[in-house]
PDB file of N, CA and C in Angstrom:
ATOM      1  N   MET A   1    -111.649 -10.813-174.480  1.00  0.00           N
ATOM      2  CA  MET A   1    -111.506 -11.343-172.800  1.00  0.00           C
ATOM      3  C   MET A   1    -110.308 -10.914-172.715  1.00  0.00           C
ATOM      4  N   THR A   2    -110.113  -9.557-172.163  1.00  0.00           N
ATOM      5  CA  THR A   2    -108.918  -9.647-171.143  1.00  0.00           C
ATOM      6  C   THR A   2    -108.899  -9.161-169.974  1.00  0.00           C
ATOM      7  N   SER A   3    -109.695 -10.343-169.205  1.00  0.00           N
ATOM      8  CA  SER A   3    -109.044 -10.282-167.838  1.00  0.00           C
ATOM      9  C   SER A   3    -109.110 -11.805-167.258  1.00  0.00           C
ATOM     10  N   ARG A   4    -110.034 -12.947-168.160  1.00  0.00           N
ATOM     11  CA  ARG A   4    -109.932 -14.041-167.685  1.00  0.00           C
ATOM     12  C   ARG A   4    -109.399 -14.828-168.395  1.00  0.00           C
ATOM     13  N   TRP A   5    -108.842 -16.195-168.237  1.00  0.00           N
ATOM     14  CA  TRP A   5    -108.473 -16.873-168.887  1.00  0.00           C
ATOM     15  C   TRP A   5    -109.534 -17.974-169.880  1.00  0.00           C
ATOM     16  N   GLY A   6    -110.703 -17.951-169.123  1.00  0.00           N
ATOM     17  CA  GLY A   6    -111.390 -18.992-169.714  1.00  0.00           C
ATOM     18  C   GLY A   6    -112.958 -19.083-168.862  1.00  0.00           C
ATOM     19  N   SER A   7    -114.016 -19.275-169.633  1.00  0.00           N
ATOM     20  CA  SER A   7    -115.482 -18.611-168.669  1.00  0.00           C
ATOM     21  C   SER A   7    -116.282 -19.985-169.455  1.00  0.00           C
ATOM     22  N   CYS A   8    -117.072 -20.441-168.558  1.00  0.00           N
ATOM     23  CA  CYS A   8    -118.093 -21.275-168.735  1.00  0.00           C
ATOM     24  C   CYS A   8    -119.516 -20.949-168.426  1.00  0.00           C
ATOM     25  N   ASN A   9    -120.225 -21.227-169.935  1.00  0.00           N
ATOM     26  CA  ASN A   9    -121.611 -21.213-169.476  1.00  0.00           C
ATOM     27  C   ASN A   9    -122.169 -22.206-169.130  1.00  0.00           C
ATOM     28  N   PHE A  10    -122.337 -22.226-167.818  1.00  0.00           N
ATOM     29  CA  PHE A  10    -123.075 -24.225-167.248  1.00  0.00           C
ATOM     30  C   PHE A  10    -124.139 -24.479-168.182  1.00  0.00           C
ATOM     31  N   VAL A  11    -125.080 -23.033-168.194  1.00  0.00           N
ATOM     32  CA  VAL A  11    -126.396 -23.431-168.695  1.00  0.00           C
ATOM     33  C   VAL A  11    -126.211 -23.666-170.327  1.00  0.00           C
ATOM     34  N   ARG A  12    -126.071 -23.102-171.641  1.00  0.00           N
ATOM     35  CA  ARG A  12    -125.667 -23.188-172.355  1.00  0.00           C
ATOM     36  C   ARG A  12    -124.333 -24.084-172.962  1.00  0.00           C
ATOM     37  N   LYS A  13    -123.961 -24.801-172.208  1.00  0.00           N
ATOM     38  CA  LYS A  13    -122.686 -25.692-172.180  1.00  0.00           C
ATOM     39  C   LYS A  13    -121.713 -24.947-173.393  1.00  0.00           C
ATOM     40  N   ILE A  14    -121.099 -23.793-173.080  1.00  0.00           N
ATOM     41  CA  ILE A  14    -120.212 -23.070-173.781  1.00  0.00           C
ATOM     42  C   ILE A  14    -119.295 -22.668-172.837  1.00  0.00           C
ATOM     43  N   LEU A  15    -117.887 -22.947-173.099  1.00  0.00           N
ATOM     44  CA  LEU A  15    -116.899 -22.894-173.065  1.00  0.00           C
ATOM     45  C   LEU A  15    -116.204 -21.969-173.935  1.00  0.00           C
ATOM     46  N   THR A  16    -115.650 -20.827-173.136  1.00  0.00           N
ATOM     47  CA  THR A  16    -114.806 -19.741-174.363  1.00  0.00           C
ATOM     48  C   THR A  16    -113.574 -19.440-173.466  1.00  0.00           C
ATOM     49  N   PHE A  17    -112.082 -19.476-174.313  1.00  0.00           N
ATOM     50  CA  PHE A  17    -110.645 -19.422-173.636  1.00  0.00           C
ATOM     51  C   PHE A  17    -109.830 -18.289-174.476  1.00  0.00           C
ATOM     52  N   ASN A  18    -109.321 -17.395-173.661  1.00  0.00           N
ATOM     53  CA  ASN A  18    -108.776 -16.153-174.036  1.00  0.00           C
ATOM     54  C   ASN A  18    -107.698 -16.572-174.942  1.00  0.00           C
ATOM     55  N   TYR A  19    -107.499 -15.979-176.008  1.00  0.00           N
ATOM     56  CA  TYR A  19    -106.889 -15.755-177.333  1.00  0.00           C
ATOM     57  C   TYR A  19    -105.327 -15.814-176.893  1.00  0.00           C
ATOM     58  N   ALA A  20    -104.946 -15.382-176.010  1.00  0.00           N
ATOM     59  CA  ALA A  20    -103.877 -14.917-175.096  1.00  0.00           C
ATOM     60  C   ALA A  20    -103.293 -16.006-174.626  1.00  0.00           C
ATOM     61  N   LEU A  21    -104.043 -17.363-174.475  1.00  0.00           N
ATOM     62  CA  LEU A  21    -103.591 -18.404-173.914  1.00  0.00           C
ATOM     63  C   LEU A  21    -102.707 -19.544-175.154  1.00  0.00           C
ATOM     64  N   ILE A  22    -102.306 -18.738-176.152  1.00  0.00           N
ATOM     65  CA  ILE A  22    -101.620 -19.167-177.292  1.00  0.00           C
ATOM     66  C   ILE A  22    -100.442 -19.199-176.566  1.00  0.00           C
ATOM     67  N   ASN A  23     -99.731 -18.253-175.929  1.00  0.00           N
ATOM     68  CA  ASN A  23     -98.509 -17.782-175.647  1.00  0.00           C
ATOM     69  C   ASN A  23     -98.211 -18.802-174.093  1.00  0.00           C
ATOM     70  N   ALA A  24     -99.250 -18.818-173.719  1.00  0.00           N
ATOM     71  CA  ALA A  24     -98.811 -19.844-172.036  1.00  0.00           C
ATOM     72  C   ALA A  24     -98.568 -21.189-172.376  1.00  0.00           C
ATOM     73  N   PRO A  25     -97.710 -21.640-171.210  1.00  0.00           N
ATOM     74  CA  PRO A  25     -96.984 -22.939-171.279  1.00  0.00           C
ATOM     75  C   PRO A  25     -98.500 -23.958-171.356  1.00  0.00           C
ATOM     76  N   ILE A  26     -97.986 -25.495-172.252  1.00  0.00           N
ATOM     77  CA  ILE A  26     -98.957 -26.191-171.916  1.00  0.00           C
ATOM     78  C   ILE A  26     -99.552 -26.872-171.341  1.00  0.00           C
ATOM     79  N   GLU A  27     -98.592 -26.518-169.939  1.00  0.00           N
ATOM     80  CA  GLU A  27     -98.929 -26.852-168.562  1.00  0.00           C
ATOM     81  C   GLU A  27    -100.169 -25.971-167.956  1.00  0.00           C
ATOM     82  N   CYS A  28    -100.039 -24.832-168.136  1.00  0.00           N
ATOM     83  CA  CYS A  28    -101.203 -23.399-167.890  1.00  0.00           C
ATOM     84  C   CYS A  28    -102.064 -23.803-169.149  1.00  0.00           C
ATOM     85  N   VAL A  29    -102.244 -24.420-170.409  1.00  0.00           N
ATOM     86  CA  VAL A  29    -103.213 -24.161-171.085  1.00  0.00           C
ATOM     87  C   VAL A  29    -104.261 -24.897-170.534  1.00  0.00           C
ATOM     88  N   GLU A  30    -103.465 -26.251-170.522  1.00  0.00           N
ATOM     89  CA  GLU A  30    -104.081 -27.683-169.620  1.00  0.00           C
ATOM     90  C   GLU A  30    -105.151 -27.370-168.593  1.00  0.00           C
ATOM     91  N   TYR A  31    -104.872 -26.369-167.474  1.00  0.00           N
ATOM     92  CA  TYR A  31    -105.006 -25.944-166.099  1.00  0.00           C
ATOM     93  C   TYR A  31    -106.482 -25.182-166.659  1.00  0.00           C
ATOM     94  N   VAL A  32    -106.469 -24.419-167.478  1.00  0.00           N
ATOM     95  CA  VAL A  32    -107.403 -23.491-167.740  1.00  0.00           C
ATOM     96  C   VAL A  32    -108.864 -24.266-168.231  1.00  0.00           C
ATOM     97  N   ILE A  33    -108.170 -24.996-169.656  1.00  0.00           N
ATOM     98  CA  ILE A  33    -108.923 -25.975-170.124  1.00  0.00           C
ATOM     99  C   ILE A  33    -109.763 -27.299-168.591  1.00  0.00           C
ATOM    100  N   TYR A  34    -108.900 -27.944-167.796  1.00  0.00           N
ATOM    101  CA  TYR A  34    -109.584 -28.287-166.754  1.00  0.00           C
ATOM    102  C   TYR A  34    -110.389 -28.241-166.411  1.00  0.00           C
ATOM    103  N   HIS A  35    -110.118 -26.466-165.749  1.00  0.00           N
ATOM    104  CA  HIS A  35    -110.869 -25.657-164.984  1.00  0.00           C
ATOM    105  C   HIS A  35    -111.891 -25.475-165.228  1.00  0.00           C
ATOM    106  N   GLU A  36    -112.155 -24.834-166.669  1.00  0.00           N
ATOM    107  CA  GLU A  36    -113.575 -24.812-166.976  1.00  0.00           C
ATOM    108  C   GLU A  36    -114.341 -26.187-167.343  1.00  0.00           C
ATOM    109  N   PHE A  37    -113.837 -26.862-167.455  1.00  0.00           N
ATOM    110  CA  PHE A  37    -114.228 -28.414-167.477  1.00  0.00           C
ATOM    111  C   PHE A  37    -115.064 -28.913-166.242  1.00  0.00           C
ATOM    112  N   THR A  38    -114.181 -28.390-165.444  1.00  0.00           N
ATOM    113  CA  THR A  38    -115.186 -29.094-164.172  1.00  0.00           C
ATOM    114  C   THR A  38    -115.977 -28.094-163.494  1.00  0.00           C
ATOM    115  N   HIS A  39    -116.633 -27.205-164.259  1.00  0.00           N
ATOM    116  CA  HIS A  39    -117.396 -26.123-164.149  1.00  0.00           C
ATOM    117  C   HIS A  39    -119.038 -26.999-164.623  1.00  0.00           C
ATOM    118  N   PHE A  40    -118.744 -27.586-165.287  1.00  0.00           N
ATOM    119  CA  PHE A  40    -119.518 -28.762-166.162  1.00  0.00           C
ATOM    120  C   PHE A  40    -120.113 -29.564-164.607  1.00  0.00           C
ATOM    121  N   ILE A  41    -119.141 -29.436-163.932  1.00  0.00           N
ATOM    122  CA  ILE A  41    -119.952 -30.721-162.693  1.00  0.00           C
ATOM    123  C   ILE A  41    -120.269 -30.196-161.996  1.00  0.00           C
ATOM    124  N   GLU A  42    -119.252 -29.071-161.347  1.00  0.00           N
ATOM    125  CA  GLU A  42    -119.672 -27.864-159.916  1.00  0.00           C
ATOM    126  C   GLU A  42    -119.760 -26.717-160.751  1.00  0.00           C
ATOM    127  N   PRO A  43    -120.701 -25.705-160.973  1.00  0.00           N
ATOM    128  CA  PRO A  43    -120.871 -24.580-161.576  1.00  0.00           C
ATOM    129  C   PRO A  43    -119.874 -23.388-160.877  1.00  0.00           C
ATOM    130  N   ASN A  44    -119.836 -23.531-159.578  1.00  0.00           N
ATOM    131  CA  ASN A  44    -119.403 -22.659-158.990  1.00  0.00           C
ATOM    132  C   ASN A  44    -117.950 -22.614-158.053  1.00  0.00           C
ATOM    133  N   HIS A  45    -117.380 -22.322-157.254  1.00  0.00           N
ATOM    134  CA  HIS A  45    -116.294 -22.417-156.778  1.00  0.00           C
ATOM    135  C   HIS A  45    -116.083 -22.718-155.341  1.00  0.00           C
ATOM    136  N   SER A  46    -116.659 -23.384-154.889  1.00  0.00           N
ATOM    137  CA  SER A  46    -116.739 -24.451-154.083  1.00  0.00           C
ATOM    138  C   SER A  46    -115.631 -25.198-153.771  1.00  0.00           C
ATOM    139  N   LYS A  47    -115.523 -26.096-152.525  1.00  0.00           N
ATOM    140  CA  LYS A  47    -114.463 -26.709-151.866  1.00  0.00           C
ATOM    141  C   LYS A  47    -114.344 -27.513-152.589  1.00  0.00           C
ATOM    142  N   LYS A  48    -115.998 -28.211-153.082  1.00  0.00           N
ATOM    143  CA  LYS A  48    -115.708 -29.363-153.784  1.00  0.00           C
ATOM    144  C   LYS A  48    -115.658 -29.578-155.406  1.00  0.00           C
ATOM    145  N   PHE A  49    -115.805 -27.711-155.666  1.00  0.00           N
ATOM    146  CA  PHE A  49    -114.920 -28.053-156.859  1.00  0.00           C
ATOM    147  C   PHE A  49    -113.380 -28.255-157.337  1.00  0.00           C
ATOM    148  N   TYR A  50    -113.227 -27.332-156.194  1.00  0.00           N
ATOM    149  CA  TYR A  50    -111.883 -27.627-156.449  1.00  0.00           C
ATOM    150  C   TYR A  50    -111.274 -28.477-155.968  1.00  0.00           C
ATOM    151  N   ASN A  51    -112.196 -30.025-155.058  1.00  0.00           N
ATOM    152  CA  ASN A  51    -111.639 -31.220-154.875  1.00  0.00           C
ATOM    153  C   ASN A  51    -111.967 -31.642-156.101  1.00  0.00           C
ATOM    154  N   GLN A  52    -112.972 -31.363-156.829  1.00  0.00           N
ATOM    155  CA  GLN A  52    -113.043 -32.593-158.032  1.00  0.00           C
ATOM    156  C   GLN A  52    -111.606 -31.791-159.710  1.00  0.00           C
ATOM    157  N   LEU A  53    -111.196 -30.429-158.893  1.00  0.00           N
ATOM    158  CA  LEU A  53    -110.505 -30.094-160.063  1.00  0.00           C
ATOM    159  C   LEU A  53    -109.329 -30.784-159.413  1.00  0.00           C
ATOM    160  N   ALA A  54    -109.022 -31.065-158.128  1.00  0.00           N
ATOM    161  CA  ALA A  54    -107.929 -31.946-157.796  1.00  0.00           C
ATOM    162  C   ALA A  54    -107.425 -33.192-158.599  1.00  0.00           C
ATOM    163  N   MET A  55    -108.850 -34.537-158.693  1.00  0.00           N
ATOM    164  CA  MET A  55    -109.096 -35.178-158.860  1.00  0.00           C
ATOM    165  C   MET A  55    -108.378 -35.673-160.466  1.00  0.00           C
ATOM    166  N   PHE A  56    -109.043 -34.046-161.066  1.00  0.00           N
ATOM    167  CA  PHE A  56    -108.569 -34.659-162.272  1.00  0.00           C
ATOM    168  C   PHE A  56    -106.465 -34.070-162.865  1.00  0.00           C
ATOM    169  N   MET A  57    -106.592 -32.978-161.664  1.00  0.00           N
ATOM    170  CA  MET A  57    -104.866 -32.441-162.317  1.00  0.00           C
ATOM    171  C   MET A  57    -104.803 -31.930-160.765  1.00  0.00           C
ATOM    172  N   PRO A  58    -103.958 -32.816-160.052  1.00  0.00           N
ATOM    173  CA  PRO A  58    -103.364 -32.918-158.445  1.00  0.00           C
ATOM    174  C   PRO A  58    -102.345 -31.898-158.187  1.00  0.00           C
ATOM    175  N   ASP A  59    -101.959 -31.444-159.814  1.00  0.00           N
ATOM    176  CA  ASP A  59    -100.775 -29.971-159.097  1.00  0.00           C
ATOM    177  C   ASP A  59    -101.565 -28.601-159.790  1.00  0.00           C
ATOM    178  N   TRP A  60    -102.923 -28.625-159.934  1.00  0.00           N
ATOM    179  CA  TRP A  60    -103.280 -27.125-160.657  1.00  0.00           C
ATOM    180  C   TRP A  60    -102.952 -26.243-159.849  1.00  0.00           C
ATOM    181  N   GLN A  61    -102.748 -25.737-158.665  1.00  0.00           N
ATOM    182  CA  GLN A  61    -102.377 -25.045-157.921  1.00  0.00           C
ATOM    183  C   GLN A  61    -100.831 -24.577-158.538  1.00  0.00           C
ATOM    184  N   GLU A  62     -99.850 -25.646-158.569  1.00  0.00           N
ATOM    185  CA  GLU A  62     -98.818 -25.288-159.277  1.00  0.00           C
ATOM    186  C   GLU A  62     -99.028 -24.331-160.396  1.00  0.00           C
ATOM    187  N   ARG A  63     -99.909 -25.225-161.684  1.00  0.00           N
ATOM    188  CA  ARG A  63    -100.152 -24.771-162.755  1.00  0.00           C
ATOM    189  C   ARG A  63    -100.731 -23.378-163.217  1.00  0.00           C
ATOM    190  N   LYS A  64    -101.558 -23.031-161.717  1.00  0.00           N
ATOM    191  CA  LYS A  64    -102.645 -21.877-162.031  1.00  0.00           C
ATOM    192  C   LYS A  64    -101.273 -20.587-161.768  1.00  0.00           C
ATOM    193  N   MET A  65    -100.643 -20.886-160.203  1.00  0.00           N
ATOM    194  CA  MET A  65     -99.328 -20.535-160.201  1.00  0.00           C
ATOM    195  C   MET A  65     -98.385 -19.784-161.384  1.00  0.00           C
ATOM    196  N   MET A  66     -98.215 -21.107-161.974  1.00  0.00           N
ATOM    197  CA  MET A  66     -97.055 -20.862-163.329  1.00  0.00           C
ATOM    198  C   MET A  66     -97.725 -19.627-163.820  1.00  0.00           C
ATOM    199  N   LEU A  67     -99.417 -19.569-164.307  1.00  0.00           N
ATOM    200  CA  LEU A  67     -99.703 -18.550-165.272  1.00  0.00           C
ATOM    201  C   LEU A  67    -100.204 -17.484-165.219  1.00  0.00           C
ATOM    202  N   GLU A  68    -100.604 -17.947-163.855  1.00  0.00           N
ATOM    203  CA  GLU A  68    -100.245 -16.086-162.928  1.00  0.00           C
ATOM    204  C   GLU A  68     -98.480 -15.389-163.271  1.00  0.00           C
ATOM    205  N   LYS A  69     -97.803 -15.816-163.130  1.00  0.00           N
ATOM    206  CA  LYS A  69     -96.405 -15.923-163.159  1.00  0.00           C
ATOM    207  C   LYS A  69     -95.959 -15.171-164.163  1.00  0.00           C
ATOM    208  N   ASN A  70     -96.070 -16.319-165.525  1.00  0.00           N
ATOM    209  CA  ASN A  70     -96.071 -16.061-166.788  1.00  0.00           C
ATOM    210  C   ASN A  70     -96.737 -14.536-167.104  1.00  0.00           C
ATOM    211  N   ASN A  71     -97.799 -14.055-166.586  1.00  0.00           N
ATOM    212  CA  ASN A  71     -98.814 -12.988-167.691  1.00  0.00           C
ATOM    213  C   ASN A  71     -98.886 -12.747-168.548  1.00  0.00           C
ATOM    214  N   CYS A  72     -99.323 -14.266-169.682  1.00  0.00           N
ATOM    215  CA  CYS A  72     -99.247 -13.927-170.908  1.00  0.00           C
ATOM    216  C   CYS A  72    -100.598 -13.239-171.843  1.00  0.00           C
ATOM    217  N   TYR A  73    -101.064 -12.343-170.618  1.00  0.00           N
ATOM    218  CA  TYR A  73    -102.131 -11.758-171.863  1.00  0.00           C
ATOM    219  C   TYR A  73    -101.578 -10.167-172.632  1.00  0.00           C
ATOM    220  N   GLY A  74    -100.315 -10.409-172.632  1.00  0.00           N
ATOM    221  CA  GLY A  74     -99.481  -9.142-173.333  1.00  0.00           C
ATOM    222  C   GLY A  74     -99.536  -8.129-173.230  1.00  0.00           C
ATOM    223  N   GLU A  75     -99.823  -7.910-171.640  1.00  0.00           N
ATOM    224  CA  GLU A  75    -100.067  -6.573-171.277  1.00  0.00           C
ATOM    225  C   GLU A  75     -98.578  -6.070-171.097  1.00  0.00           C
TER     226      GLU A  75
END
């Protein structure tokens, strides 16, 4: 996985995470995990998905920005 931090196969109930997350701050790792688990409730990126994610993690936007800023893909 070189272009995503994680993915969720809703049908097969499988989550996959990028190995590069090991280099990310724990707040970013938590964000990716919460994001992917939220797909089991809302399988798309609708407003309902982000509302649900915000219930679990109110500061998800800040964590996402931190993850993007750190660029932990190793590039």
